[in-house]
Amino acid sequence: MLFRSGTAIATAISIIITNILRLALVYVKFNIQPFSRDTVKAIVISIVVFLIAYFIPSHDNPIVDLIIRSTAAATSFSFLIMYFGVSSDINDLYARVKKRFFS
């Protein structure tokens, strides 16, 4: 069991180091930062949505459980992304759809 954990830890460390080096290369060569505050907002929203779906009581029927959790997660994620303005593209799309169907 310890061997498997060591392998997983080593893999995680190597992936983290590789991604940090890639990020540094992009920043040095192209002078751009691929991440912004919106990235952090999206990660926090994803964690919140995961917790919402995780703490929903499970149902005996796996299909019904899947539908309930998926609907709750998708609805929560969509609402929070639009409310906090994480993606201007999504907010623009929502505005166009709202204007087309509700005007």
PDB file of N, CA and C in Angstrom:
ATOM      1  N   MET A   1       0.824  -1.194   0.000  1.00  0.00           N
ATOM      2  CA  MET A   1       0.000   0.000   0.000  1.00  0.00           C
ATOM      3  C   MET A   1       0.865   1.252   0.000  1.00  0.00           C
ATOM      4  N   LEU A   2       1.944   1.230   0.746  1.00  0.00           N
ATOM      5  CA  LEU A   2       2.835   2.376   0.794  1.00  0.00           C
ATOM      6  C   LEU A   2       3.472   2.620  -0.569  1.00  0.00           C
ATOM      7  N   PHE A   3       3.765   1.536  -1.301  1.00  0.00           N
ATOM      8  CA  PHE A   3       4.364   1.663  -2.625  1.00  0.00           C
ATOM      9  C   PHE A   3       3.446   2.418  -3.576  1.00  0.00           C
ATOM     10  N   ARG A   4       2.154   2.119  -3.521  1.00  0.00           N
ATOM     11  CA  ARG A   4       1.203   2.796  -4.392  1.00  0.00           C
ATOM     12  C   ARG A   4       1.101   4.277  -4.051  1.00  0.00           C
ATOM     13  N   SER A   5       1.130   4.596  -2.780  1.00  0.00           N
ATOM     14  CA  SER A   5       1.053   6.007  -2.376  1.00  0.00           C
ATOM     15  C   SER A   5       2.298   6.755  -2.825  1.00  0.00           C
ATOM     16  N   GLY A   6       3.448   6.128  -2.705  1.00  0.00           N
ATOM     17  CA  GLY A   6       4.693   6.758  -3.131  1.00  0.00           C
ATOM     18  C   GLY A   6       4.694   7.032  -4.626  1.00  0.00           C
ATOM     19  N   THR A   7       4.160   6.098  -5.388  1.00  0.00           N
ATOM     20  CA  THR A   7       4.072   6.275  -6.832  1.00  0.00           C
ATOM     21  C   THR A   7       3.138   7.437  -7.175  1.00  0.00           C
ATOM     22  N   ALA A   8       2.021   7.508  -6.502  1.00  0.00           N
ATOM     23  CA  ALA A   8       1.073   8.589  -6.751  1.00  0.00           C
ATOM     24  C   ALA A   8       1.666   9.939  -6.367  1.00  0.00           C
ATOM     25  N   ILE A   9       2.375   9.988  -5.259  1.00  0.00           N
ATOM     26  CA  ILE A   9       2.997  11.245  -4.824  1.00  0.00           C
ATOM     27  C   ILE A   9       4.080  11.674  -5.813  1.00  0.00           C
ATOM     28  N   ALA A  10       4.898  10.727  -6.261  1.00  0.00           N
ATOM     29  CA  ALA A  10       5.950  11.045  -7.226  1.00  0.00           C
ATOM     30  C   ALA A  10       5.357  11.532  -8.545  1.00  0.00           C
ATOM     31  N   THR A  11       4.283  10.905  -8.982  1.00  0.00           N
ATOM     32  CA  THR A  11       3.623  11.332 -10.216  1.00  0.00           C
ATOM     33  C   THR A  11       3.057  12.738 -10.060  1.00  0.00           C
ATOM     34  N   ALA A  12       2.412  13.005  -8.944  1.00  0.00           N
ATOM     35  CA  ALA A  12       1.852  14.338  -8.698  1.00  0.00           C
ATOM     36  C   ALA A  12       2.944  15.401  -8.671  1.00  0.00           C
ATOM     37  N   ILE A  13       4.046  15.096  -8.018  1.00  0.00           N
ATOM     38  CA  ILE A  13       5.158  16.059  -7.954  1.00  0.00           C
ATOM     39  C   ILE A  13       5.725  16.329  -9.337  1.00  0.00           C
ATOM     40  N   SER A  14       5.901  15.282 -10.132  1.00  0.00           N
ATOM     41  CA  SER A  14       6.461  15.483 -11.475  1.00  0.00           C
ATOM     42  C   SER A  14       5.505  16.274 -12.365  1.00  0.00           C
ATOM     43  N   ILE A  15       4.217  16.028 -12.245  1.00  0.00           N
ATOM     44  CA  ILE A  15       3.239  16.786 -13.031  1.00  0.00           C
ATOM     45  C   ILE A  15       3.229  18.251 -12.607  1.00  0.00           C
ATOM     46  N   ILE A  16       3.283  18.498 -11.309  1.00  0.00           N
ATOM     47  CA  ILE A  16       3.302  19.878 -10.804  1.00  0.00           C
ATOM     48  C   ILE A  16       4.545  20.611 -11.290  1.00  0.00           C
ATOM     49  N   ILE A  17       5.707  19.968 -11.205  1.00  0.00           N
ATOM     50  CA  ILE A  17       6.951  20.608 -11.646  1.00  0.00           C
ATOM     51  C   ILE A  17       6.911  20.881 -13.143  1.00  0.00           C
ATOM     52  N   THR A  18       6.423  19.919 -13.923  1.00  0.00           N
ATOM     53  CA  THR A  18       6.319  20.110 -15.373  1.00  0.00           C
ATOM     54  C   THR A  18       5.419  21.289 -15.715  1.00  0.00           C
ATOM     55  N   ASN A  19       4.279  21.389 -15.044  1.00  0.00           N
ATOM     56  CA  ASN A  19       3.357  22.488 -15.333  1.00  0.00           C
ATOM     57  C   ASN A  19       3.911  23.834 -14.886  1.00  0.00           C
ATOM     58  N   ILE A  20       4.639  23.870 -13.793  1.00  0.00           N
ATOM     59  CA  ILE A  20       5.271  25.119 -13.354  1.00  0.00           C
ATOM     60  C   ILE A  20       6.321  25.559 -14.369  1.00  0.00           C
ATOM     61  N   LEU A  21       7.099  24.610 -14.889  1.00  0.00           N
ATOM     62  CA  LEU A  21       8.095  24.946 -15.906  1.00  0.00           C
ATOM     63  C   LEU A  21       7.436  25.430 -17.200  1.00  0.00           C
ATOM     64  N   ARG A  22       6.329  24.806 -17.583  1.00  0.00           N
ATOM     65  CA  ARG A  22       5.601  25.265 -18.773  1.00  0.00           C
ATOM     66  C   ARG A  22       5.072  26.679 -18.573  1.00  0.00           C
ATOM     67  N   LEU A  23       4.525  26.941 -17.398  1.00  0.00           N
ATOM     68  CA  LEU A  23       4.011  28.272 -17.093  1.00  0.00           C
ATOM     69  C   LEU A  23       5.130  29.305 -17.147  1.00  0.00           C
ATOM     70  N   ALA A  24       6.288  28.965 -16.593  1.00  0.00           N
ATOM     71  CA  ALA A  24       7.424  29.882 -16.623  1.00  0.00           C
ATOM     72  C   ALA A  24       7.889  30.117 -18.061  1.00  0.00           C
ATOM     73  N   LEU A  25       7.903  29.072 -18.874  1.00  0.00           N
ATOM     74  CA  LEU A  25       8.318  29.210 -20.269  1.00  0.00           C
ATOM     75  C   LEU A  25       7.372  30.137 -21.034  1.00  0.00           C
ATOM     76  N   VAL A  26       6.077  29.958 -20.837  1.00  0.00           N
ATOM     77  CA  VAL A  26       5.092  30.816 -21.505  1.00  0.00           C
ATOM     78  C   VAL A  26       5.266  32.261 -21.051  1.00  0.00           C
ATOM     79  N   TYR A  27       5.499  32.470 -19.779  1.00  0.00           N
ATOM     80  CA  TYR A  27       5.652  33.823 -19.263  1.00  0.00           C
ATOM     81  C   TYR A  27       6.931  34.480 -19.792  1.00  0.00           C
ATOM     82  N   VAL A  28       8.027  33.722 -19.820  1.00  0.00           N
ATOM     83  CA  VAL A  28       9.304  34.288 -20.267  1.00  0.00           C
ATOM     84  C   VAL A  28       9.311  34.514 -21.778  1.00  0.00           C
ATOM     85  N   LYS A  29       8.868  33.530 -22.552  1.00  0.00           N
ATOM     86  CA  LYS A  29       8.943  33.635 -24.009  1.00  0.00           C
ATOM     87  C   LYS A  29       7.904  34.585 -24.601  1.00  0.00           C
ATOM     88  N   PHE A  30       6.683  34.538 -24.082  1.00  0.00           N
ATOM     89  CA  PHE A  30       5.593  35.302 -24.685  1.00  0.00           C
ATOM     90  C   PHE A  30       5.134  36.477 -23.834  1.00  0.00           C
ATOM     91  N   ASN A  31       5.645  36.573 -22.629  1.00  0.00           N
ATOM     92  CA  ASN A  31       5.318  37.645 -21.690  1.00  0.00           C
ATOM     93  C   ASN A  31       3.807  37.742 -21.433  1.00  0.00           C
ATOM     94  N   ILE A  32       3.171  36.575 -21.289  1.00  0.00           N
ATOM     95  CA  ILE A  32       1.753  36.544 -20.934  1.00  0.00           C
ATOM     96  C   ILE A  32       1.549  35.617 -19.748  1.00  0.00           C
ATOM     97  N   GLN A  33       0.526  35.891 -19.019  1.00  0.00           N
ATOM     98  CA  GLN A  33       0.142  35.075 -17.876  1.00  0.00           C
ATOM     99  C   GLN A  33      -1.182  34.410 -18.230  1.00  0.00           C
ATOM    100  N   PRO A  34      -1.202  33.070 -18.355  1.00  0.00           N
ATOM    101  CA  PRO A  34      -2.434  32.418 -18.794  1.00  0.00           C
ATOM    102  C   PRO A  34      -3.530  32.361 -17.729  1.00  0.00           C
ATOM    103  N   PHE A  35      -3.207  32.696 -16.511  1.00  0.00           N
ATOM    104  CA  PHE A  35      -4.191  32.646 -15.436  1.00  0.00           C
ATOM    105  C   PHE A  35      -4.517  34.049 -14.948  1.00  0.00           C
ATOM    106  N   SER A  36      -5.743  34.216 -14.454  1.00  0.00           N
ATOM    107  CA  SER A  36      -6.166  35.509 -13.932  1.00  0.00           C
ATOM    108  C   SER A  36      -6.979  35.283 -12.659  1.00  0.00           C
ATOM    109  N   ARG A  37      -7.525  36.352 -12.146  1.00  0.00           N
ATOM    110  CA  ARG A  37      -8.386  36.227 -10.960  1.00  0.00           C
ATOM    111  C   ARG A  37      -9.645  35.428 -11.284  1.00  0.00           C
ATOM    112  N   ASP A  38     -10.085  35.516 -12.527  1.00  0.00           N
ATOM    113  CA  ASP A  38     -11.255  34.736 -12.929  1.00  0.00           C
ATOM    114  C   ASP A  38     -10.984  33.238 -12.856  1.00  0.00           C
ATOM    115  N   THR A  39      -9.744  32.833 -13.082  1.00  0.00           N
ATOM    116  CA  THR A  39      -9.376  31.430 -12.948  1.00  0.00           C
ATOM    117  C   THR A  39      -9.548  30.974 -11.506  1.00  0.00           C
ATOM    118  N   VAL A  40      -9.102  31.802 -10.581  1.00  0.00           N
ATOM    119  CA  VAL A  40      -9.250  31.476  -9.153  1.00  0.00           C
ATOM    120  C   VAL A  40     -10.731  31.437  -8.784  1.00  0.00           C
ATOM    121  N   LYS A  41     -11.517  32.375  -9.302  1.00  0.00           N
ATOM    122  CA  LYS A  41     -12.959  32.372  -9.048  1.00  0.00           C
ATOM    123  C   LYS A  41     -13.596  31.075  -9.552  1.00  0.00           C
ATOM    124  N   ALA A  42     -13.212  30.655 -10.742  1.00  0.00           N
ATOM    125  CA  ALA A  42     -13.780  29.429 -11.317  1.00  0.00           C
ATOM    126  C   ALA A  42     -13.404  28.207 -10.498  1.00  0.00           C
ATOM    127  N   ILE A  43     -12.185  28.158  -9.983  1.00  0.00           N
ATOM    128  CA  ILE A  43     -11.765  27.027  -9.148  1.00  0.00           C
ATOM    129  C   ILE A  43     -12.557  27.006  -7.850  1.00  0.00           C
ATOM    130  N   VAL A  44     -12.728  28.165  -7.224  1.00  0.00           N
ATOM    131  CA  VAL A  44     -13.497  28.236  -5.977  1.00  0.00           C
ATOM    132  C   VAL A  44     -14.955  27.848  -6.225  1.00  0.00           C
ATOM    133  N   ILE A  45     -15.526  28.323  -7.313  1.00  0.00           N
ATOM    134  CA  ILE A  45     -16.907  27.970  -7.660  1.00  0.00           C
ATOM    135  C   ILE A  45     -17.021  26.471  -7.902  1.00  0.00           C
ATOM    136  N   SER A  46     -16.034  25.883  -8.561  1.00  0.00           N
ATOM    137  CA  SER A  46     -16.055  24.436  -8.801  1.00  0.00           C
ATOM    138  C   SER A  46     -16.022  23.652  -7.501  1.00  0.00           C
ATOM    139  N   ILE A  47     -15.226  24.096  -6.551  1.00  0.00           N
ATOM    140  CA  ILE A  47     -15.162  23.422  -5.248  1.00  0.00           C
ATOM    141  C   ILE A  47     -16.493  23.552  -4.519  1.00  0.00           C
ATOM    142  N   VAL A  48     -17.088  24.736  -4.549  1.00  0.00           N
ATOM    143  CA  VAL A  48     -18.384  24.953  -3.899  1.00  0.00           C
ATOM    144  C   VAL A  48     -19.457  24.063  -4.529  1.00  0.00           C
ATOM    145  N   VAL A  49     -19.476  23.984  -5.845  1.00  0.00           N
ATOM    146  CA  VAL A  49     -20.466  23.148  -6.535  1.00  0.00           C
ATOM    147  C   VAL A  49     -20.244  21.675  -6.212  1.00  0.00           C
ATOM    148  N   PHE A  50     -18.988  21.253  -6.149  1.00  0.00           N
ATOM    149  CA  PHE A  50     -18.698  19.871  -5.756  1.00  0.00           C
ATOM    150  C   PHE A  50     -19.253  19.578  -4.370  1.00  0.00           C
ATOM    151  N   LEU A  51     -19.042  20.501  -3.434  1.00  0.00           N
ATOM    152  CA  LEU A  51     -19.542  20.291  -2.068  1.00  0.00           C
ATOM    153  C   LEU A  51     -21.066  20.266  -2.031  1.00  0.00           C
ATOM    154  N   ILE A  52     -21.695  21.110  -2.834  1.00  0.00           N
ATOM    155  CA  ILE A  52     -23.157  21.099  -2.904  1.00  0.00           C
ATOM    156  C   ILE A  52     -23.648  19.737  -3.377  1.00  0.00           C
ATOM    157  N   ALA A  53     -23.065  19.239  -4.448  1.00  0.00           N
ATOM    158  CA  ALA A  53     -23.483  17.936  -4.987  1.00  0.00           C
ATOM    159  C   ALA A  53     -23.123  16.793  -4.040  1.00  0.00           C
ATOM    160  N   TYR A  54     -22.006  16.926  -3.349  1.00  0.00           N
ATOM    161  CA  TYR A  54     -21.557  15.871  -2.435  1.00  0.00           C
ATOM    162  C   TYR A  54     -22.495  15.716  -1.242  1.00  0.00           C
ATOM    163  N   PHE A  55     -22.982  16.836  -0.730  1.00  0.00           N
ATOM    164  CA  PHE A  55     -23.800  16.783   0.479  1.00  0.00           C
ATOM    165  C   PHE A  55     -25.296  16.609   0.212  1.00  0.00           C
ATOM    166  N   ILE A  56     -25.687  16.467  -1.024  1.00  0.00           N
ATOM    167  CA  ILE A  56     -27.076  16.133  -1.319  1.00  0.00           C
ATOM    168  C   ILE A  56     -27.291  14.682  -0.904  1.00  0.00           C
ATOM    169  N   PRO A  57     -28.331  14.421  -0.126  1.00  0.00           N
ATOM    170  CA  PRO A  57     -28.558  13.034   0.295  1.00  0.00           C
ATOM    171  C   PRO A  57     -28.726  12.106  -0.911  1.00  0.00           C
ATOM    172  N   SER A  58     -28.123  10.929  -0.820  1.00  0.00           N
ATOM    173  CA  SER A  58     -28.180  10.007  -1.949  1.00  0.00           C
ATOM    174  C   SER A  58     -29.539   9.314  -2.016  1.00  0.00           C
ATOM    175  N   HIS A  59     -29.873   8.906  -3.212  1.00  0.00           N
ATOM    176  CA  HIS A  59     -31.139   8.243  -3.477  1.00  0.00           C
ATOM    177  C   HIS A  59     -30.854   6.769  -3.724  1.00  0.00           C
ATOM    178  N   ASP A  60     -31.843   5.915  -3.474  1.00  0.00           N
ATOM    179  CA  ASP A  60     -31.645   4.475  -3.665  1.00  0.00           C
ATOM    180  C   ASP A  60     -31.446   4.116  -5.137  1.00  0.00           C
ATOM    181  N   ASN A  61     -32.157   4.784  -6.005  1.00  0.00           N
ATOM    182  CA  ASN A  61     -32.052   4.517  -7.432  1.00  0.00           C
ATOM    183  C   ASN A  61     -30.883   5.323  -8.010  1.00  0.00           C
ATOM    184  N   PRO A  62     -29.878   4.657  -8.586  1.00  0.00           N
ATOM    185  CA  PRO A  62     -28.709   5.396  -9.079  1.00  0.00           C
ATOM    186  C   PRO A  62     -29.029   6.349 -10.234  1.00  0.00           C
ATOM    187  N   ILE A  63     -30.013   6.034 -11.046  1.00  0.00           N
ATOM    188  CA  ILE A  63     -30.375   6.925 -12.161  1.00  0.00           C
ATOM    189  C   ILE A  63     -30.986   8.219 -11.628  1.00  0.00           C
ATOM    190  N   VAL A  64     -31.891   8.081 -10.679  1.00  0.00           N
ATOM    191  CA  VAL A  64     -32.525   9.259 -10.070  1.00  0.00           C
ATOM    192  C   VAL A  64     -31.475  10.079  -9.324  1.00  0.00           C
ATOM    193  N   ASP A  65     -30.570   9.399  -8.635  1.00  0.00           N
ATOM    194  CA  ASP A  65     -29.500  10.081  -7.913  1.00  0.00           C
ATOM    195  C   ASP A  65     -28.612  10.860  -8.881  1.00  0.00           C
ATOM    196  N   LEU A  66     -28.282  10.248 -10.000  1.00  0.00           N
ATOM    197  CA  LEU A  66     -27.472  10.911 -11.014  1.00  0.00           C
ATOM    198  C   LEU A  66     -28.173  12.150 -11.558  1.00  0.00           C
ATOM    199  N   ILE A  67     -29.454  12.033 -11.832  1.00  0.00           N
ATOM    200  CA  ILE A  67     -30.216  13.160 -12.372  1.00  0.00           C
ATOM    201  C   ILE A  67     -30.285  14.300 -11.356  1.00  0.00           C
ATOM    202  N   ILE A  68     -30.564  13.971 -10.109  1.00  0.00           N
ATOM    203  CA  ILE A  68     -30.680  15.002  -9.068  1.00  0.00           C
ATOM    204  C   ILE A  68     -29.354  15.717  -8.857  1.00  0.00           C
ATOM    205  N   ARG A  69     -28.278  14.962  -8.683  1.00  0.00           N
ATOM    206  CA  ARG A  69     -26.966  15.576  -8.431  1.00  0.00           C
ATOM    207  C   ARG A  69     -26.466  16.363  -9.646  1.00  0.00           C
ATOM    208  N   SER A  70     -26.658  15.819 -10.838  1.00  0.00           N
ATOM    209  CA  SER A  70     -26.198  16.507 -12.046  1.00  0.00           C
ATOM    210  C   SER A  70     -26.963  17.804 -12.272  1.00  0.00           C
ATOM    211  N   THR A  71     -28.263  17.751 -12.063  1.00  0.00           N
ATOM    212  CA  THR A  71     -29.067  18.959 -12.226  1.00  0.00           C
ATOM    213  C   THR A  71     -28.674  20.026 -11.208  1.00  0.00           C
ATOM    214  N   ALA A  72     -28.486  19.612  -9.963  1.00  0.00           N
ATOM    215  CA  ALA A  72     -28.082  20.562  -8.919  1.00  0.00           C
ATOM    216  C   ALA A  72     -26.710  21.159  -9.230  1.00  0.00           C
ATOM    217  N   ALA A  73     -25.774  20.331  -9.665  1.00  0.00           N
ATOM    218  CA  ALA A  73     -24.426  20.815  -9.959  1.00  0.00           C
ATOM    219  C   ALA A  73     -24.433  21.754 -11.169  1.00  0.00           C
ATOM    220  N   ALA A  74     -25.111  21.371 -12.233  1.00  0.00           N
ATOM    221  CA  ALA A  74     -25.130  22.199 -13.446  1.00  0.00           C
ATOM    222  C   ALA A  74     -25.827  23.533 -13.195  1.00  0.00           C
ATOM    223  N   THR A  75     -26.944  23.489 -12.472  1.00  0.00           N
ATOM    224  CA  THR A  75     -27.678  24.713 -12.176  1.00  0.00           C
ATOM    225  C   THR A  75     -26.854  25.635 -11.277  1.00  0.00           C
ATOM    226  N   SER A  76     -26.278  25.071 -10.224  1.00  0.00           N
ATOM    227  CA  SER A  76     -25.461  25.868  -9.300  1.00  0.00           C
ATOM    228  C   SER A  76     -24.258  26.474 -10.009  1.00  0.00           C
ATOM    229  N   PHE A  77     -23.567  25.663 -10.806  1.00  0.00           N
ATOM    230  CA  PHE A  77     -22.380  26.143 -11.503  1.00  0.00           C
ATOM    231  C   PHE A  77     -22.737  27.253 -12.479  1.00  0.00           C
ATOM    232  N   SER A  78     -23.786  27.047 -13.261  1.00  0.00           N
ATOM    233  CA  SER A  78     -24.184  28.061 -14.239  1.00  0.00           C
ATOM    234  C   SER A  78     -24.557  29.373 -13.561  1.00  0.00           C
ATOM    235  N   PHE A  79     -25.365  29.276 -12.505  1.00  0.00           N
ATOM    236  CA  PHE A  79     -25.784  30.482 -11.792  1.00  0.00           C
ATOM    237  C   PHE A  79     -24.582  31.220 -11.208  1.00  0.00           C
ATOM    238  N   LEU A  80     -23.687  30.500 -10.537  1.00  0.00           N
ATOM    239  CA  LEU A  80     -22.550  31.148  -9.880  1.00  0.00           C
ATOM    240  C   LEU A  80     -21.569  31.749 -10.894  1.00  0.00           C
ATOM    241  N   ILE A  81     -21.351  31.066 -12.007  1.00  0.00           N
ATOM    242  CA  ILE A  81     -20.461  31.609 -13.042  1.00  0.00           C
ATOM    243  C   ILE A  81     -21.032  32.905 -13.611  1.00  0.00           C
ATOM    244  N   MET A  82     -22.335  32.928 -13.853  1.00  0.00           N
ATOM    245  CA  MET A  82     -22.942  34.151 -14.389  1.00  0.00           C
ATOM    246  C   MET A  82     -23.031  35.242 -13.328  1.00  0.00           C
ATOM    247  N   TYR A  83     -23.355  34.874 -12.092  1.00  0.00           N
ATOM    248  CA  TYR A  83     -23.502  35.869 -11.025  1.00  0.00           C
ATOM    249  C   TYR A  83     -22.187  36.594 -10.751  1.00  0.00           C
ATOM    250  N   PHE A  84     -21.089  35.839 -10.708  1.00  0.00           N
ATOM    251  CA  PHE A  84     -19.797  36.449 -10.396  1.00  0.00           C
ATOM    252  C   PHE A  84     -19.062  36.958 -11.637  1.00  0.00           C
ATOM    253  N   GLY A  85     -19.666  36.804 -12.812  1.00  0.00           N
ATOM    254  CA  GLY A  85     -19.081  37.352 -14.028  1.00  0.00           C
ATOM    255  C   GLY A  85     -17.725  36.771 -14.379  1.00  0.00           C
ATOM    256  N   VAL A  86     -17.572  35.477 -14.201  1.00  0.00           N
ATOM    257  CA  VAL A  86     -16.285  34.839 -14.451  1.00  0.00           C
ATOM    258  C   VAL A  86     -15.945  34.852 -15.939  1.00  0.00           C
ATOM    259  N   SER A  87     -16.926  34.624 -16.773  1.00  0.00           N
ATOM    260  CA  SER A  87     -16.685  34.550 -18.215  1.00  0.00           C
ATOM    261  C   SER A  87     -17.560  35.568 -18.940  1.00  0.00           C
ATOM    262  N   SER A  88     -16.919  36.514 -19.578  1.00  0.00           N
ATOM    263  CA  SER A  88     -17.689  37.512 -20.324  1.00  0.00           C
ATOM    264  C   SER A  88     -18.394  36.865 -21.516  1.00  0.00           C
ATOM    265  N   ASP A  89     -17.804  35.815 -22.083  1.00  0.00           N
ATOM    266  CA  ASP A  89     -18.446  35.116 -23.201  1.00  0.00           C
ATOM    267  C   ASP A  89     -19.770  34.493 -22.777  1.00  0.00           C
ATOM    268  N   ILE A  90     -19.784  33.856 -21.629  1.00  0.00           N
ATOM    269  CA  ILE A  90     -21.014  33.220 -21.136  1.00  0.00           C
ATOM    270  C   ILE A  90     -22.052  34.280 -20.799  1.00  0.00           C
ATOM    271  N   ASN A  91     -21.626  35.369 -20.183  1.00  0.00           N
ATOM    272  CA  ASN A  91     -22.573  36.442 -19.854  1.00  0.00           C
ATOM    273  C   ASN A  91     -23.143  37.087 -21.110  1.00  0.00           C
ATOM    274  N   ASP A  92     -22.318  37.258 -22.147  1.00  0.00           N
ATOM    275  CA  ASP A  92     -22.811  37.797 -23.417  1.00  0.00           C
ATOM    276  C   ASP A  92     -23.802  36.843 -24.077  1.00  0.00           C
ATOM    277  N   LEU A  93     -23.481  35.559 -24.062  1.00  0.00           N
ATOM    278  CA  LEU A  93     -24.383  34.559 -24.624  1.00  0.00           C
ATOM    279  C   LEU A  93     -25.717  34.558 -23.888  1.00  0.00           C
ATOM    280  N   TYR A  94     -25.675  34.622 -22.563  1.00  0.00           N
ATOM    281  CA  TYR A  94     -26.900  34.668 -21.767  1.00  0.00           C
ATOM    282  C   TYR A  94     -27.722  35.912 -22.111  1.00  0.00           C
ATOM    283  N   ALA A  95     -27.056  37.044 -22.267  1.00  0.00           N
ATOM    284  CA  ALA A  95     -27.769  38.284 -22.605  1.00  0.00           C
ATOM    285  C   ALA A  95     -28.437  38.178 -23.969  1.00  0.00           C
ATOM    286  N   ARG A  96     -27.731  37.579 -24.953  1.00  0.00           N
ATOM    287  CA  ARG A  96     -28.325  37.420 -26.285  1.00  0.00           C
ATOM    288  C   ARG A  96     -29.514  36.470 -26.274  1.00  0.00           C
ATOM    289  N   VAL A  97     -29.389  35.365 -25.539  1.00  0.00           N
ATOM    290  CA  VAL A  97     -30.498  34.403 -25.457  1.00  0.00           C
ATOM    291  C   VAL A  97     -31.688  35.034 -24.743  1.00  0.00           C
ATOM    292  N   LYS A  98     -31.403  35.740 -23.667  1.00  0.00           N
ATOM    293  CA  LYS A  98     -32.465  36.410 -22.917  1.00  0.00           C
ATOM    294  C   LYS A  98     -33.166  37.456 -23.781  1.00  0.00           C
ATOM    295  N   LYS A  99     -32.404  38.209 -24.534  1.00  0.00           N
ATOM    296  CA  LYS A  99     -32.982  39.231 -25.412  1.00  0.00           C
ATOM    297  C   LYS A  99     -33.817  38.610 -26.510  1.00  0.00           C
ATOM    298  N   ARG A 100     -33.342  37.510 -27.067  1.00  0.00           N
ATOM    299  CA  ARG A 100     -34.060  36.869 -28.168  1.00  0.00           C
ATOM    300  C   ARG A 100     -35.363  36.232 -27.735  1.00  0.00           C
ATOM    301  N   PHE A 101     -35.366  35.553 -26.589  1.00  0.00           N
ATOM    302  CA  PHE A 101     -36.546  34.815 -26.178  1.00  0.00           C
ATOM    303  C   PHE A 101     -37.465  35.544 -25.210  1.00  0.00           C
ATOM    304  N   PHE A 102     -36.951  36.536 -24.507  1.00  0.00           N
ATOM    305  CA  PHE A 102     -37.757  37.192 -23.481  1.00  0.00           C
ATOM    306  C   PHE A 102     -38.009  38.663 -23.742  1.00  0.00           C
ATOM    307  N   SER A 103     -37.733  39.131 -24.936  1.00  0.00           N
ATOM    308  CA  SER A 103     -37.990  40.534 -25.259  1.00  0.00           C
ATOM    309  C   SER A 103     -39.202  40.692 -26.127  1.00  0.00           C
TER     310      SER A 103
END
